[in-house]
PDB file of N, CA and C in Angstrom:
ATOM      1  N   MET A   1      39.575 124.459  50.018  1.00  0.00           N
ATOM      2  CA  MET A   1      38.343 124.875  51.110  1.00  0.00           C
ATOM      3  C   MET A   1      38.530 123.671  52.294  1.00  0.00           C
ATOM      4  N   SER A   2      38.059 123.992  53.429  1.00  0.00           N
ATOM      5  CA  SER A   2      37.953 122.380  54.335  1.00  0.00           C
ATOM      6  C   SER A   2      36.530 121.600  53.936  1.00  0.00           C
ATOM      7  N   SER A   3      36.759 120.678  54.530  1.00  0.00           N
ATOM      8  CA  SER A   3      35.860 119.575  54.185  1.00  0.00           C
ATOM      9  C   SER A   3      34.813 120.187  54.962  1.00  0.00           C
ATOM     10  N   ARG A   4      34.698 121.034  56.043  1.00  0.00           N
ATOM     11  CA  ARG A   4      33.372 121.216  56.786  1.00  0.00           C
ATOM     12  C   ARG A   4      32.870 122.425  55.840  1.00  0.00           C
ATOM     13  N   LEU A   5      33.619 123.091  55.194  1.00  0.00           N
ATOM     14  CA  LEU A   5      32.609 124.080  54.774  1.00  0.00           C
ATOM     15  C   LEU A   5      32.252 123.591  53.395  1.00  0.00           C
ATOM     16  N   LYS A   6      32.440 122.575  53.078  1.00  0.00           N
ATOM     17  CA  LYS A   6      32.153 122.055  51.800  1.00  0.00           C
ATOM     18  C   LYS A   6      30.752 121.251  52.287  1.00  0.00           C
ATOM     19  N   LYS A   7      30.466 120.534  53.316  1.00  0.00           N
ATOM     20  CA  LYS A   7      29.854 119.889  53.732  1.00  0.00           C
ATOM     21  C   LYS A   7      28.313 120.663  54.201  1.00  0.00           C
ATOM     22  N   ARG A   8      28.796 122.273  54.701  1.00  0.00           N
ATOM     23  CA  ARG A   8      27.991 122.960  54.834  1.00  0.00           C
ATOM     24  C   ARG A   8      27.220 123.680  54.076  1.00  0.00           C
ATOM     25  N   GLN A   9      28.021 124.117  53.316  1.00  0.00           N
ATOM     26  CA  GLN A   9      27.479 124.341  51.816  1.00  0.00           C
ATOM     27  C   GLN A   9      26.690 123.615  50.870  1.00  0.00           C
ATOM     28  N   ALA A  10      27.012 122.237  50.852  1.00  0.00           N
ATOM     29  CA  ALA A  10      26.033 121.139  50.348  1.00  0.00           C
ATOM     30  C   ALA A  10      24.674 121.075  50.536  1.00  0.00           C
ATOM     31  N   LYS A  11      24.894 121.040  52.444  1.00  0.00           N
ATOM     32  CA  LYS A  11      23.802 121.139  53.248  1.00  0.00           C
ATOM     33  C   LYS A  11      22.517 122.025  52.931  1.00  0.00           C
ATOM     34  N   LYS A  12      23.262 123.449  52.540  1.00  0.00           N
ATOM     35  CA  LYS A  12      22.214 124.858  52.460  1.00  0.00           C
ATOM     36  C   LYS A  12      21.779 124.212  50.954  1.00  0.00           C
ATOM     37  N   THR A  13      22.573 123.895  49.697  1.00  0.00           N
ATOM     38  CA  THR A  13      22.247 123.945  48.624  1.00  0.00           C
ATOM     39  C   THR A  13      21.183 122.357  48.432  1.00  0.00           C
ATOM     40  N   ALA A  14      21.360 121.692  49.485  1.00  0.00           N
ATOM     41  CA  ALA A  14      20.046 120.565  49.140  1.00  0.00           C
ATOM     42  C   ALA A  14      19.030 120.892  49.979  1.00  0.00           C
ATOM     43  N   SER A  15      18.935 121.851  51.043  1.00  0.00           N
ATOM     44  CA  SER A  15      17.800 122.221  51.785  1.00  0.00           C
ATOM     45  C   SER A  15      16.857 123.220  51.216  1.00  0.00           C
ATOM     46  N   TRP A  16      17.033 123.951  50.090  1.00  0.00           N
ATOM     47  CA  TRP A  16      16.137 125.009  49.561  1.00  0.00           C
ATOM     48  C   TRP A  16      15.071 124.386  48.530  1.00  0.00           C
ATOM     49  N   PRO A  17      15.300 122.996  48.237  1.00  0.00           N
ATOM     50  CA  PRO A  17      14.053 122.518  47.618  1.00  0.00           C
ATOM     51  C   PRO A  17      13.175 121.814  48.335  1.00  0.00           C
ATOM     52  N   LEU A  18      13.670 121.378  49.425  1.00  0.00           N
ATOM     53  CA  LEU A  18      12.664 120.694  50.490  1.00  0.00           C
ATOM     54  C   LEU A  18      11.753 122.473  50.879  1.00  0.00           C
ATOM     55  N   TRP A  19      12.187 123.399  51.461  1.00  0.00           N
ATOM     56  CA  TRP A  19      11.320 124.486  51.727  1.00  0.00           C
ATOM     57  C   TRP A  19      10.816 124.947  50.678  1.00  0.00           C
ATOM     58  N   LEU A  20      11.274 125.042  49.648  1.00  0.00           N
ATOM     59  CA  LEU A  20       9.998 125.428  48.480  1.00  0.00           C
ATOM     60  C   LEU A  20       9.074 124.528  48.043  1.00  0.00           C
ATOM     61  N   ALA A  21       9.358 123.373  48.371  1.00  0.00           N
ATOM     62  CA  ALA A  21       7.975 122.038  48.372  1.00  0.00           C
ATOM     63  C   ALA A  21       7.334 122.465  49.226  1.00  0.00           C
ATOM     64  N   LEU A  22       7.876 122.803  50.569  1.00  0.00           N
ATOM     65  CA  LEU A  22       6.938 122.952  51.953  1.00  0.00           C
ATOM     66  C   LEU A  22       6.122 124.542  51.599  1.00  0.00           C
ATOM     67  N   ALA A  23       6.665 125.233  50.999  1.00  0.00           N
ATOM     68  CA  ALA A  23       5.816 126.721  50.832  1.00  0.00           C
ATOM     69  C   ALA A  23       4.760 126.543  50.177  1.00  0.00           C
ATOM     70  N   GLY A  24       5.244 125.928  48.687  1.00  0.00           N
ATOM     71  CA  GLY A  24       4.262 125.323  47.776  1.00  0.00           C
ATOM     72  C   GLY A  24       3.373 124.707  48.399  1.00  0.00           C
ATOM     73  N   MET A  25       3.230 123.702  49.352  1.00  0.00           N
ATOM     74  CA  MET A  25       2.195 123.038  49.570  1.00  0.00           C
ATOM     75  C   MET A  25       1.313 124.003  50.664  1.00  0.00           C
ATOM     76  N   VAL A  26       1.409 124.788  51.546  1.00  0.00           N
ATOM     77  CA  VAL A  26       1.188 125.476  52.277  1.00  0.00           C
ATOM     78  C   VAL A  26       0.610 126.781  51.604  1.00  0.00           C
ATOM     79  N   ILE A  27       0.860 127.081  50.037  1.00  0.00           N
ATOM     80  CA  ILE A  27      -0.229 127.998  49.448  1.00  0.00           C
ATOM     81  C   ILE A  27      -0.994 127.159  48.877  1.00  0.00           C
ATOM     82  N   LEU A  28      -1.016 125.954  48.413  1.00  0.00           N
ATOM     83  CA  LEU A  28      -1.897 125.160  48.036  1.00  0.00           C
ATOM     84  C   LEU A  28      -2.792 125.065  48.972  1.00  0.00           C
ATOM     85  N   ALA A  29      -2.572 124.424  50.098  1.00  0.00           N
ATOM     86  CA  ALA A  29      -3.800 124.163  51.140  1.00  0.00           C
ATOM     87  C   ALA A  29      -4.373 125.300  51.537  1.00  0.00           C
ATOM     88  N   ALA A  30      -4.044 126.604  51.506  1.00  0.00           N
ATOM     89  CA  ALA A  30      -4.710 127.830  51.533  1.00  0.00           C
ATOM     90  C   ALA A  30      -5.679 127.963  50.800  1.00  0.00           C
ATOM     91  N   GLY A  31      -5.384 127.740  49.469  1.00  0.00           N
ATOM     92  CA  GLY A  31      -5.879 127.772  48.320  1.00  0.00           C
ATOM     93  C   GLY A  31      -7.516 126.889  47.834  1.00  0.00           C
ATOM     94  N   VAL A  32      -7.057 125.684  48.795  1.00  0.00           N
ATOM     95  CA  VAL A  32      -8.169 124.607  48.560  1.00  0.00           C
ATOM     96  C   VAL A  32      -8.940 125.266  49.863  1.00  0.00           C
ATOM     97  N   ALA A  33      -8.593 125.710  50.867  1.00  0.00           N
ATOM     98  CA  ALA A  33      -9.491 125.787  52.061  1.00  0.00           C
ATOM     99  C   ALA A  33      -9.950 127.191  51.803  1.00  0.00           C
ATOM    100  N   LEU A  34      -9.727 128.491  50.990  1.00  0.00           N
ATOM    101  CA  LEU A  34      -9.997 129.392  50.448  1.00  0.00           C
ATOM    102  C   LEU A  34     -11.796 128.971  49.478  1.00  0.00           C
ATOM    103  N   ALA A  35     -11.295 128.021  48.566  1.00  0.00           N
ATOM    104  CA  ALA A  35     -12.286 127.413  47.607  1.00  0.00           C
ATOM    105  C   ALA A  35     -13.544 126.758  48.271  1.00  0.00           C
ATOM    106  N   VAL A  36     -13.345 125.753  49.075  1.00  0.00           N
ATOM    107  CA  VAL A  36     -14.151 125.339  49.895  1.00  0.00           C
ATOM    108  C   VAL A  36     -15.032 126.234  50.599  1.00  0.00           C
ATOM    109  N   LYS A  37     -14.475 127.439  51.626  1.00  0.00           N
ATOM    110  CA  LYS A  37     -15.277 128.038  52.384  1.00  0.00           C
ATOM    111  C   LYS A  37     -16.204 128.885  51.379  1.00  0.00           C
ATOM    112  N   GLY A  38     -15.703 129.632  50.217  1.00  0.00           N
ATOM    113  CA  GLY A  38     -16.531 130.301  49.472  1.00  0.00           C
ATOM    114  C   GLY A  38     -17.367 129.336  48.667  1.00  0.00           C
ATOM    115  N   GLY A  39     -17.123 128.238  48.247  1.00  0.00           N
ATOM    116  CA  GLY A  39     -18.567 127.390  48.134  1.00  0.00           C
ATOM    117  C   GLY A  39     -19.182 126.717  48.544  1.00  0.00           C
ATOM    118  N   SER A  40     -19.135 126.976  49.822  1.00  0.00           N
ATOM    119  CA  SER A  40     -20.197 126.530  50.672  1.00  0.00           C
ATOM    120  C   SER A  40     -21.711 127.438  50.699  1.00  0.00           C
ATOM    121  N   LYS A  41     -21.792 128.399  50.179  1.00  0.00           N
ATOM    122  CA  LYS A  41     -22.756 129.564  50.406  1.00  0.00           C
ATOM    123  C   LYS A  41     -24.257 128.361  50.049  1.00  0.00           C
ATOM    124  N   SER A  42     -25.396 128.539  50.904  1.00  0.00           N
ATOM    125  CA  SER A  42     -26.101 127.502  50.721  1.00  0.00           C
ATOM    126  C   SER A  42     -27.095 128.228  49.723  1.00  0.00           C
ATOM    127  N   ALA A  43     -28.419 127.378  49.295  1.00  0.00           N
ATOM    128  CA  ALA A  43     -29.423 127.854  48.799  1.00  0.00           C
ATOM    129  C   ALA A  43     -30.345 128.741  49.653  1.00  0.00           C
ATOM    130  N   PRO A  44     -31.305 130.025  49.272  1.00  0.00           N
ATOM    131  CA  PRO A  44     -32.241 130.785  49.952  1.00  0.00           C
ATOM    132  C   PRO A  44     -32.731 129.576  50.736  1.00  0.00           C
ATOM    133  N   GLY A  45     -33.505 130.097  51.998  1.00  0.00           N
ATOM    134  CA  GLY A  45     -34.459 129.061  52.812  1.00  0.00           C
ATOM    135  C   GLY A  45     -35.757 129.118  51.798  1.00  0.00           C
ATOM    136  N   VAL A  46     -36.114 130.433  51.475  1.00  0.00           N
ATOM    137  CA  VAL A  46     -37.438 130.959  50.681  1.00  0.00           C
ATOM    138  C   VAL A  46     -37.407 131.198  49.231  1.00  0.00           C
ATOM    139  N   THR A  47     -37.542 130.825  48.172  1.00  0.00           N
ATOM    140  CA  THR A  47     -37.576 131.497  47.264  1.00  0.00           C
ATOM    141  C   THR A  47     -38.726 132.292  46.667  1.00  0.00           C
ATOM    142  N   GLY A  48     -38.660 133.246  45.873  1.00  0.00           N
ATOM    143  CA  GLY A  48     -39.317 134.448  45.611  1.00  0.00           C
ATOM    144  C   GLY A  48     -40.180 135.340  46.460  1.00  0.00           C
ATOM    145  N   ALA A  49     -39.421 135.463  47.896  1.00  0.00           N
ATOM    146  CA  ALA A  49     -39.898 136.351  48.696  1.00  0.00           C
ATOM    147  C   ALA A  49     -38.962 136.348  49.802  1.00  0.00           C
ATOM    148  N   PRO A  50     -39.421 137.729  50.479  1.00  0.00           N
ATOM    149  CA  PRO A  50     -37.929 137.786  51.805  1.00  0.00           C
ATOM    150  C   PRO A  50     -38.566 136.413  52.722  1.00  0.00           C
ATOM    151  N   ALA A  51     -38.002 136.368  53.531  1.00  0.00           N
ATOM    152  CA  ALA A  51     -38.386 135.531  54.916  1.00  0.00           C
ATOM    153  C   ALA A  51     -37.122 136.191  56.192  1.00  0.00           C
ATOM    154  N   LEU A  52     -37.713 136.068  57.389  1.00  0.00           N
ATOM    155  CA  LEU A  52     -36.938 136.239  58.325  1.00  0.00           C
ATOM    156  C   LEU A  52     -36.920 135.322  59.006  1.00  0.00           C
ATOM    157  N   ALA A  53     -35.271 135.499  59.768  1.00  0.00           N
ATOM    158  CA  ALA A  53     -35.061 133.998  60.498  1.00  0.00           C
ATOM    159  C   ALA A  53     -34.293 134.720  61.423  1.00  0.00           C
ATOM    160  N   VAL A  54     -34.590 134.421  62.634  1.00  0.00           N
ATOM    161  CA  VAL A  54     -33.788 134.810  64.167  1.00  0.00           C
ATOM    162  C   VAL A  54     -33.274 133.808  64.819  1.00  0.00           C
ATOM    163  N   ASP A  55     -31.839 134.162  65.162  1.00  0.00           N
ATOM    164  CA  ASP A  55     -31.517 133.174  65.757  1.00  0.00           C
ATOM    165  C   ASP A  55     -31.632 132.439  67.180  1.00  0.00           C
ATOM    166  N   GLN A  56     -32.657 133.273  67.728  1.00  0.00           N
ATOM    167  CA  GLN A  56     -32.831 132.893  69.213  1.00  0.00           C
ATOM    168  C   GLN A  56     -34.468 133.130  69.249  1.00  0.00           C
ATOM    169  N   GLN A  57     -35.195 131.793  69.533  1.00  0.00           N
ATOM    170  CA  GLN A  57     -36.891 132.371  69.586  1.00  0.00           C
ATOM    171  C   GLN A  57     -37.361 132.626  70.910  1.00  0.00           C
ATOM    172  N   ARG A  58     -36.410 132.118  71.915  1.00  0.00           N
ATOM    173  CA  ARG A  58     -36.806 132.672  73.215  1.00  0.00           C
ATOM    174  C   ARG A  58     -35.541 132.673  73.932  1.00  0.00           C
ATOM    175  N   ILE A  59     -35.674 133.938  75.184  1.00  0.00           N
ATOM    176  CA  ILE A  59     -34.290 134.267  75.778  1.00  0.00           C
ATOM    177  C   ILE A  59     -34.748 134.096  77.360  1.00  0.00           C
ATOM    178  N   ASP A  60     -33.981 133.007  78.177  1.00  0.00           N
ATOM    179  CA  ASP A  60     -34.869 132.995  79.357  1.00  0.00           C
ATOM    180  C   ASP A  60     -33.813 133.383  80.284  1.00  0.00           C
ATOM    181  N   TYR A  61     -33.738 134.352  81.065  1.00  0.00           N
ATOM    182  CA  TYR A  61     -32.578 134.979  82.307  1.00  0.00           C
ATOM    183  C   TYR A  61     -32.850 134.657  83.513  1.00  0.00           C
ATOM    184  N   GLY A  62     -34.013 133.341  83.626  1.00  0.00           N
ATOM    185  CA  GLY A  62     -34.031 133.279  85.161  1.00  0.00           C
ATOM    186  C   GLY A  62     -34.575 134.482  86.159  1.00  0.00           C
ATOM    187  N   GLU A  63     -34.054 134.526  86.952  1.00  0.00           N
ATOM    188  CA  GLU A  63     -34.348 135.340  88.295  1.00  0.00           C
ATOM    189  C   GLU A  63     -33.343 136.581  88.119  1.00  0.00           C
ATOM    190  N   VAL A  64     -33.800 137.672  87.736  1.00  0.00           N
ATOM    191  CA  VAL A  64     -33.172 138.872  87.728  1.00  0.00           C
ATOM    192  C   VAL A  64     -33.430 139.871  88.661  1.00  0.00           C
ATOM    193  N   LYS A  65     -32.574 140.604  89.160  1.00  0.00           N
ATOM    194  CA  LYS A  65     -33.026 141.870  90.339  1.00  0.00           C
ATOM    195  C   LYS A  65     -33.777 142.725  89.842  1.00  0.00           C
ATOM    196  N   LEU A  66     -34.589 143.405  90.483  1.00  0.00           N
ATOM    197  CA  LEU A  66     -35.273 144.956  90.067  1.00  0.00           C
ATOM    198  C   LEU A  66     -33.920 145.899  89.823  1.00  0.00           C
ATOM    199  N   GLY A  67     -34.055 146.380  88.745  1.00  0.00           N
ATOM    200  CA  GLY A  67     -33.046 147.582  88.434  1.00  0.00           C
ATOM    201  C   GLY A  67     -31.888 146.932  87.715  1.00  0.00           C
ATOM    202  N   SER A  68     -31.798 145.645  87.659  1.00  0.00           N
ATOM    203  CA  SER A  68     -30.739 145.230  86.999  1.00  0.00           C
ATOM    204  C   SER A  68     -30.914 145.547  85.039  1.00  0.00           C
ATOM    205  N   VAL A  69     -29.772 145.932  84.447  1.00  0.00           N
ATOM    206  CA  VAL A  69     -29.590 146.054  83.004  1.00  0.00           C
ATOM    207  C   VAL A  69     -29.313 144.920  82.768  1.00  0.00           C
ATOM    208  N   ILE A  70     -30.105 144.229  81.746  1.00  0.00           N
ATOM    209  CA  ILE A  70     -29.571 143.340  80.816  1.00  0.00           C
ATOM    210  C   ILE A  70     -29.509 143.381  79.281  1.00  0.00           C
ATOM    211  N   THR A  71     -28.462 142.852  78.538  1.00  0.00           N
ATOM    212  CA  THR A  71     -28.727 143.333  77.226  1.00  0.00           C
ATOM    213  C   THR A  71     -28.247 141.945  76.510  1.00  0.00           C
ATOM    214  N   THR A  72     -29.344 141.880  75.436  1.00  0.00           N
ATOM    215  CA  THR A  72     -29.150 140.820  74.507  1.00  0.00           C
ATOM    216  C   THR A  72     -28.971 141.245  73.047  1.00  0.00           C
ATOM    217  N   ARG A  73     -28.309 140.496  72.361  1.00  0.00           N
ATOM    218  CA  ARG A  73     -27.893 140.257  71.133  1.00  0.00           C
ATOM    219  C   ARG A  73     -28.773 139.434  70.445  1.00  0.00           C
ATOM    220  N   VAL A  74     -29.525 139.666  69.210  1.00  0.00           N
ATOM    221  CA  VAL A  74     -30.196 138.576  68.794  1.00  0.00           C
ATOM    222  C   VAL A  74     -29.826 138.936  66.933  1.00  0.00           C
ATOM    223  N   GLN A  75     -29.515 137.903  66.610  1.00  0.00           N
ATOM    224  CA  GLN A  75     -29.205 137.972  64.726  1.00  0.00           C
ATOM    225  C   GLN A  75     -30.357 137.664  64.032  1.00  0.00           C
ATOM    226  N   VAL A  76     -30.792 138.807  63.150  1.00  0.00           N
ATOM    227  CA  VAL A  76     -31.975 138.427  62.178  1.00  0.00           C
ATOM    228  C   VAL A  76     -31.270 138.344  60.912  1.00  0.00           C
ATOM    229  N   THR A  77     -31.726 137.739  60.220  1.00  0.00           N
ATOM    230  CA  THR A  77     -31.054 137.117  58.724  1.00  0.00           C
ATOM    231  C   THR A  77     -32.396 137.006  57.751  1.00  0.00           C
ATOM    232  N   ASN A  78     -32.159 137.829  56.811  1.00  0.00           N
ATOM    233  CA  ASN A  78     -32.973 137.162  55.272  1.00  0.00           C
ATOM    234  C   ASN A  78     -32.629 136.125  54.866  1.00  0.00           C
ATOM    235  N   VAL A  79     -33.439 134.890  54.849  1.00  0.00           N
ATOM    236  CA  VAL A  79     -33.285 133.747  54.382  1.00  0.00           C
ATOM    237  C   VAL A  79     -34.365 133.534  52.783  1.00  0.00           C
ATOM    238  N   GLY A  80     -34.595 134.445  52.488  1.00  0.00           N
ATOM    239  CA  GLY A  80     -35.084 134.643  51.250  1.00  0.00           C
ATOM    240  C   GLY A  80     -34.007 135.032  50.333  1.00  0.00           C
ATOM    241  N   ASP A  81     -34.836 135.312  49.037  1.00  0.00           N
ATOM    242  CA  ASP A  81     -33.890 135.628  47.500  1.00  0.00           C
ATOM    243  C   ASP A  81     -34.721 137.005  47.467  1.00  0.00           C
ATOM    244  N   GLN A  82     -35.173 137.788  47.937  1.00  0.00           N
ATOM    245  CA  GLN A  82     -35.719 139.061  47.721  1.00  0.00           C
ATOM    246  C   GLN A  82     -35.557 139.916  48.733  1.00  0.00           C
ATOM    247  N   PRO A  83     -35.220 141.168  48.662  1.00  0.00           N
ATOM    248  CA  PRO A  83     -34.882 141.886  49.605  1.00  0.00           C
ATOM    249  C   PRO A  83     -36.073 142.180  51.010  1.00  0.00           C
ATOM    250  N   LEU A  84     -35.481 142.373  52.330  1.00  0.00           N
ATOM    251  CA  LEU A  84     -36.403 142.304  53.062  1.00  0.00           C
ATOM    252  C   LEU A  84     -36.460 143.749  53.788  1.00  0.00           C
ATOM    253  N   ARG A  85     -37.741 144.286  53.861  1.00  0.00           N
ATOM    254  CA  ARG A  85     -37.455 145.858  54.262  1.00  0.00           C
ATOM    255  C   ARG A  85     -38.808 145.958  55.273  1.00  0.00           C
ATOM    256  N   PHE A  86     -38.183 146.211  56.329  1.00  0.00           N
ATOM    257  CA  PHE A  86     -39.117 146.801  57.399  1.00  0.00           C
ATOM    258  C   PHE A  86     -40.263 148.082  57.129  1.00  0.00           C
ATOM    259  N   THR A  87     -41.227 147.969  57.349  1.00  0.00           N
ATOM    260  CA  THR A  87     -42.165 148.940  56.893  1.00  0.00           C
ATOM    261  C   THR A  87     -42.845 149.446  58.164  1.00  0.00           C
ATOM    262  N   ASP A  88     -42.746 148.685  59.438  1.00  0.00           N
ATOM    263  CA  ASP A  88     -43.321 148.961  60.687  1.00  0.00           C
ATOM    264  C   ASP A  88     -42.300 148.778  61.749  1.00  0.00           C
ATOM    265  N   ASN A  89     -42.619 148.969  62.792  1.00  0.00           N
ATOM    266  CA  ASN A  89     -41.701 148.468  63.924  1.00  0.00           C
ATOM    267  C   ASN A  89     -41.903 146.840  64.301  1.00  0.00           C
ATOM    268  N   PRO A  90     -40.425 146.581  64.278  1.00  0.00           N
ATOM    269  CA  PRO A  90     -40.815 144.522  64.835  1.00  0.00           C
ATOM    270  C   PRO A  90     -41.283 144.521  66.054  1.00  0.00           C
ATOM    271  N   TYR A  91     -41.997 143.651  65.902  1.00  0.00           N
ATOM    272  CA  TYR A  91     -42.724 143.634  67.024  1.00  0.00           C
ATOM    273  C   TYR A  91     -42.061 142.665  68.374  1.00  0.00           C
ATOM    274  N   VAL A  92     -41.958 143.061  69.363  1.00  0.00           N
ATOM    275  CA  VAL A  92     -40.925 142.223  70.330  1.00  0.00           C
ATOM    276  C   VAL A  92     -42.012 142.159  71.405  1.00  0.00           C
ATOM    277  N   GLU A  93     -41.865 140.998  71.832  1.00  0.00           N
ATOM    278  CA  GLU A  93     -43.144 140.947  73.393  1.00  0.00           C
ATOM    279  C   GLU A  93     -42.400 140.338  74.331  1.00  0.00           C
ATOM    280  N   LEU A  94     -42.469 140.904  75.475  1.00  0.00           N
ATOM    281  CA  LEU A  94     -41.853 140.671  76.577  1.00  0.00           C
ATOM    282  C   LEU A  94     -42.932 140.138  77.967  1.00  0.00           C
ATOM    283  N   VAL A  95     -42.326 138.701  77.851  1.00  0.00           N
ATOM    284  CA  VAL A  95     -43.302 138.067  78.806  1.00  0.00           C
ATOM    285  C   VAL A  95     -42.831 137.963  80.038  1.00  0.00           C
ATOM    286  N   GLU A  96     -43.172 138.263  81.130  1.00  0.00           N
ATOM    287  CA  GLU A  96     -43.092 137.892  82.594  1.00  0.00           C
ATOM    288  C   GLU A  96     -43.305 136.749  83.525  1.00  0.00           C
ATOM    289  N   GLY A  97     -42.661 136.029  83.866  1.00  0.00           N
ATOM    290  CA  GLY A  97     -43.150 134.710  84.377  1.00  0.00           C
ATOM    291  C   GLY A  97     -43.398 135.132  86.276  1.00  0.00           C
ATOM    292  N   CYS A  98     -43.738 133.781  86.678  1.00  0.00           N
ATOM    293  CA  CYS A  98     -44.137 134.250  87.940  1.00  0.00           C
ATOM    294  C   CYS A  98     -43.179 133.326  88.929  1.00  0.00           C
TER     295      CYS A  98
END
């Protein structure tokens, strides 16, 4: 065998443990990230009852042309530890400014 071929084979043989170690570190890092993400669940804001939390208390669009259509999304979350059930239509107040 030529010396060039022997060097190339030695280089290939020596590099696979490095790739194996790198892959192991990536898998370990992913596992740690998932464990931290899964363990970050917080305690309920209210215990013994349901409780409603809305991400926005007030939405101000400023001046809007008459006839314009505006869409808004509001996230509603149950921060209590009991099921939240709506028995009536939710109350939404539209306040018009001057």
